[in-house]
């Protein structure tokens, strides 16, 4: 059984990671990292 990402999945994964790195600021990252539940937002 193969569990590796396909080429397309890996490309999407990297694209999403780059989008988050470019668009999610420090306070949002802190909120995500420090909450036990789904955030309801501001």
PDB file of N, CA and C in Angstrom:
ATOM      1  N   UNK A   1       0.847  -1.174   0.000  1.00  0.00           N
ATOM      2  CA  UNK A   1       0.000   0.000   0.000  1.00  0.00           C
ATOM      3  C   UNK A   1       0.897   1.244   0.000  1.00  0.00           C
ATOM      4  N   UNK A   2       0.594   2.184  -0.888  1.00  0.00           N
ATOM      5  CA  UNK A   2       1.406   3.396  -1.041  1.00  0.00           C
ATOM      6  C   UNK A   2       0.750   4.562  -0.298  1.00  0.00           C
ATOM      7  N   UNK A   3       1.503   5.165   0.623  1.00  0.00           N
ATOM      8  CA  UNK A   3       0.968   6.268   1.414  1.00  0.00           C
ATOM      9  C   UNK A   3       1.583   7.613   1.049  1.00  0.00           C
ATOM     10  N   UNK A   4       2.458   7.650   0.090  1.00  0.00           N
ATOM     11  CA  UNK A   4       3.102   8.905  -0.306  1.00  0.00           C
ATOM     12  C   UNK A   4       2.116   9.778  -1.076  1.00  0.00           C
ATOM     13  N   UNK A   5       2.349  11.094  -1.013  1.00  0.00           N
ATOM     14  CA  UNK A   5       1.543  12.023  -1.806  1.00  0.00           C
ATOM     15  C   UNK A   5       1.837  11.827  -3.279  1.00  0.00           C
ATOM     16  N   UNK A   6       0.808  12.009  -4.111  1.00  0.00           N
ATOM     17  CA  UNK A   6       1.047  12.027  -5.551  1.00  0.00           C
ATOM     18  C   UNK A   6       1.742  13.341  -5.891  1.00  0.00           C
ATOM     19  N   UNK A   7       2.249  13.453  -7.099  1.00  0.00           N
ATOM     20  CA  UNK A   7       2.902  14.685  -7.531  1.00  0.00           C
ATOM     21  C   UNK A   7       1.943  15.867  -7.420  1.00  0.00           C
ATOM     22  N   UNK A   8       0.700  15.672  -7.818  1.00  0.00           N
ATOM     23  CA  UNK A   8      -0.295  16.739  -7.758  1.00  0.00           C
ATOM     24  C   UNK A   8      -0.628  17.117  -6.317  1.00  0.00           C
ATOM     25  N   UNK A   9      -0.753  16.127  -5.449  1.00  0.00           N
ATOM     26  CA  UNK A   9      -1.036  16.401  -4.038  1.00  0.00           C
ATOM     27  C   UNK A   9       0.115  17.155  -3.392  1.00  0.00           C
ATOM     28  N   UNK A  10       1.327  16.762  -3.694  1.00  0.00           N
ATOM     29  CA  UNK A  10       2.496  17.434  -3.130  1.00  0.00           C
ATOM     30  C   UNK A  10       2.563  18.880  -3.603  1.00  0.00           C
ATOM     31  N   UNK A  11       2.264  19.128  -4.879  1.00  0.00           N
ATOM     32  CA  UNK A  11       2.269  20.494  -5.407  1.00  0.00           C
ATOM     33  C   UNK A  11       1.217  21.346  -4.699  1.00  0.00           C
ATOM     34  N   UNK A  12       0.022  20.798  -4.492  1.00  0.00           N
ATOM     35  CA  UNK A  12      -1.028  21.529  -3.789  1.00  0.00           C
ATOM     36  C   UNK A  12      -0.623  21.791  -2.344  1.00  0.00           C
ATOM     37  N   UNK A  13      -0.062  20.797  -1.691  1.00  0.00           N
ATOM     38  CA  UNK A  13       0.377  20.947  -0.301  1.00  0.00           C
ATOM     39  C   UNK A  13       1.385  22.084  -0.175  1.00  0.00           C
ATOM     40  N   UNK A  14       2.345  22.132  -1.076  1.00  0.00           N
ATOM     41  CA  UNK A  14       3.352  23.190  -1.049  1.00  0.00           C
ATOM     42  C   UNK A  14       2.737  24.554  -1.352  1.00  0.00           C
ATOM     43  N   UNK A  15       1.785  24.589  -2.273  1.00  0.00           N
ATOM     44  CA  UNK A  15       1.115  25.848  -2.611  1.00  0.00           C
ATOM     45  C   UNK A  15       0.339  26.387  -1.408  1.00  0.00           C
ATOM     46  N   UNK A  16      -0.359  25.518  -0.704  1.00  0.00           N
ATOM     47  CA  UNK A  16      -1.112  25.933   0.479  1.00  0.00           C
ATOM     48  C   UNK A  16      -0.162  26.406   1.573  1.00  0.00           C
ATOM     49  N   UNK A  17       0.927  25.687   1.797  1.00  0.00           N
ATOM     50  CA  UNK A  17       1.905  26.111   2.798  1.00  0.00           C
ATOM     51  C   UNK A  17       2.456  27.494   2.476  1.00  0.00           C
ATOM     52  N   UNK A  18       2.747  27.758   1.211  1.00  0.00           N
ATOM     53  CA  UNK A  18       3.278  29.062   0.818  1.00  0.00           C
ATOM     54  C   UNK A  18       2.225  30.150   0.987  1.00  0.00           C
ATOM     55  N   UNK A  19       0.980  29.851   0.652  1.00  0.00           N
ATOM     56  CA  UNK A  19      -0.104  30.816   0.833  1.00  0.00           C
ATOM     57  C   UNK A  19      -0.230  31.192   2.307  1.00  0.00           C
ATOM     58  N   UNK A  20      -0.203  30.205   3.183  1.00  0.00           N
ATOM     59  CA  UNK A  20      -0.310  30.467   4.617  1.00  0.00           C
ATOM     60  C   UNK A  20       0.879  31.291   5.089  1.00  0.00           C
ATOM     61  N   UNK A  21       2.077  30.939   4.666  1.00  0.00           N
ATOM     62  CA  UNK A  21       3.277  31.686   5.057  1.00  0.00           C
ATOM     63  C   UNK A  21       3.194  33.141   4.609  1.00  0.00           C
ATOM     64  N   UNK A  22       2.621  33.381   3.442  1.00  0.00           N
ATOM     65  CA  UNK A  22       2.536  34.733   2.889  1.00  0.00           C
ATOM     66  C   UNK A  22       1.382  35.550   3.453  1.00  0.00           C
ATOM     67  N   UNK A  23       0.316  34.900   3.931  1.00  0.00           N
ATOM     68  CA  UNK A  23      -0.919  35.620   4.239  1.00  0.00           C
ATOM     69  C   UNK A  23      -1.410  35.535   5.676  1.00  0.00           C
ATOM     70  N   UNK A  24      -0.867  34.651   6.474  1.00  0.00           N
ATOM     71  CA  UNK A  24      -1.324  34.514   7.854  1.00  0.00           C
ATOM     72  C   UNK A  24      -0.297  35.179   8.759  1.00  0.00           C
ATOM     73  N   UNK A  25      -0.758  36.190   9.522  1.00  0.00           N
ATOM     74  CA  UNK A  25       0.179  36.938  10.352  1.00  0.00           C
ATOM     75  C   UNK A  25       0.364  36.298  11.731  1.00  0.00           C
ATOM     76  N   UNK A  26       1.288  36.841  12.494  1.00  0.00           N
ATOM     77  CA  UNK A  26       1.667  36.296  13.792  1.00  0.00           C
ATOM     78  C   UNK A  26       0.526  36.085  14.761  1.00  0.00           C
ATOM     79  N   UNK A  27      -0.340  37.098  14.990  1.00  0.00           N
ATOM     80  CA  UNK A  27      -1.438  36.900  15.943  1.00  0.00           C
ATOM     81  C   UNK A  27      -2.375  35.751  15.557  1.00  0.00           C
ATOM     82  N   UNK A  28      -2.630  35.596  14.280  1.00  0.00           N
ATOM     83  CA  UNK A  28      -3.496  34.498  13.841  1.00  0.00           C
ATOM     84  C   UNK A  28      -2.798  33.166  14.075  1.00  0.00           C
ATOM     85  N   UNK A  29      -1.516  33.096  13.759  1.00  0.00           N
ATOM     86  CA  UNK A  29      -0.764  31.857  14.010  1.00  0.00           C
ATOM     87  C   UNK A  29      -0.771  31.515  15.493  1.00  0.00           C
ATOM     88  N   UNK A  30      -0.593  32.534  16.350  1.00  0.00           N
ATOM     89  CA  UNK A  30      -0.608  32.304  17.795  1.00  0.00           C
ATOM     90  C   UNK A  30      -1.965  31.778  18.247  1.00  0.00           C
ATOM     91  N   UNK A  31      -3.042  32.367  17.721  1.00  0.00           N
ATOM     92  CA  UNK A  31      -4.384  31.913  18.093  1.00  0.00           C
ATOM     93  C   UNK A  31      -4.599  30.461  17.686  1.00  0.00           C
ATOM     94  N   UNK A  32      -4.179  30.116  16.483  1.00  0.00           N
ATOM     95  CA  UNK A  32      -4.333  28.740  16.004  1.00  0.00           C
ATOM     96  C   UNK A  32      -3.518  27.781  16.865  1.00  0.00           C
ATOM     97  N   UNK A  33      -2.302  28.160  17.194  1.00  0.00           N
ATOM     98  CA  UNK A  33      -1.414  27.289  17.956  1.00  0.00           C
ATOM     99  C   UNK A  33      -1.862  27.121  19.403  1.00  0.00           C
ATOM    100  N   UNK A  34      -2.570  28.118  19.943  1.00  0.00           N
ATOM    101  CA  UNK A  34      -2.880  28.113  21.368  1.00  0.00           C
ATOM    102  C   UNK A  34      -4.340  27.854  21.696  1.00  0.00           C
ATOM    103  N   UNK A  35      -5.093  27.324  20.776  1.00  0.00           N
ATOM    104  CA  UNK A  35      -6.491  27.017  21.055  1.00  0.00           C
ATOM    105  C   UNK A  35      -6.715  25.512  20.977  1.00  0.00           C
ATOM    106  N   UNK A  36      -7.589  25.027  21.841  1.00  0.00           N
ATOM    107  CA  UNK A  36      -7.914  23.605  21.845  1.00  0.00           C
ATOM    108  C   UNK A  36      -9.137  23.305  20.988  1.00  0.00           C
ATOM    109  N   UNK A  37      -9.874  24.339  20.644  1.00  0.00           N
ATOM    110  CA  UNK A  37     -11.103  24.164  19.881  1.00  0.00           C
ATOM    111  C   UNK A  37     -11.035  24.988  18.610  1.00  0.00           C
ATOM    112  N   UNK A  38     -12.009  24.777  17.758  1.00  0.00           N
ATOM    113  CA  UNK A  38     -12.101  25.578  16.549  1.00  0.00           C
ATOM    114  C   UNK A  38     -12.374  27.023  16.948  1.00  0.00           C
ATOM    115  N   UNK A  39     -11.609  27.942  16.420  1.00  0.00           N
ATOM    116  CA  UNK A  39     -11.785  29.353  16.727  1.00  0.00           C
ATOM    117  C   UNK A  39     -13.060  29.875  16.088  1.00  0.00           C
ATOM    118  N   UNK A  40     -13.755  30.710  16.812  1.00  0.00           N
ATOM    119  CA  UNK A  40     -14.950  31.344  16.275  1.00  0.00           C
ATOM    120  C   UNK A  40     -14.605  32.661  15.597  1.00  0.00           C
ATOM    121  N   UNK A  41     -13.337  33.049  15.621  1.00  0.00           N
ATOM    122  CA  UNK A  41     -12.909  34.290  14.995  1.00  0.00           C
ATOM    123  C   UNK A  41     -13.101  35.470  15.927  1.00  0.00           C
ATOM    124  N   UNK A  42     -12.813  36.664  15.425  1.00  0.00           N
ATOM    125  CA  UNK A  42     -12.917  37.862  16.278  1.00  0.00           C
ATOM    126  C   UNK A  42     -14.349  38.210  16.612  1.00  0.00           C
TER     127      UNK A  42
END
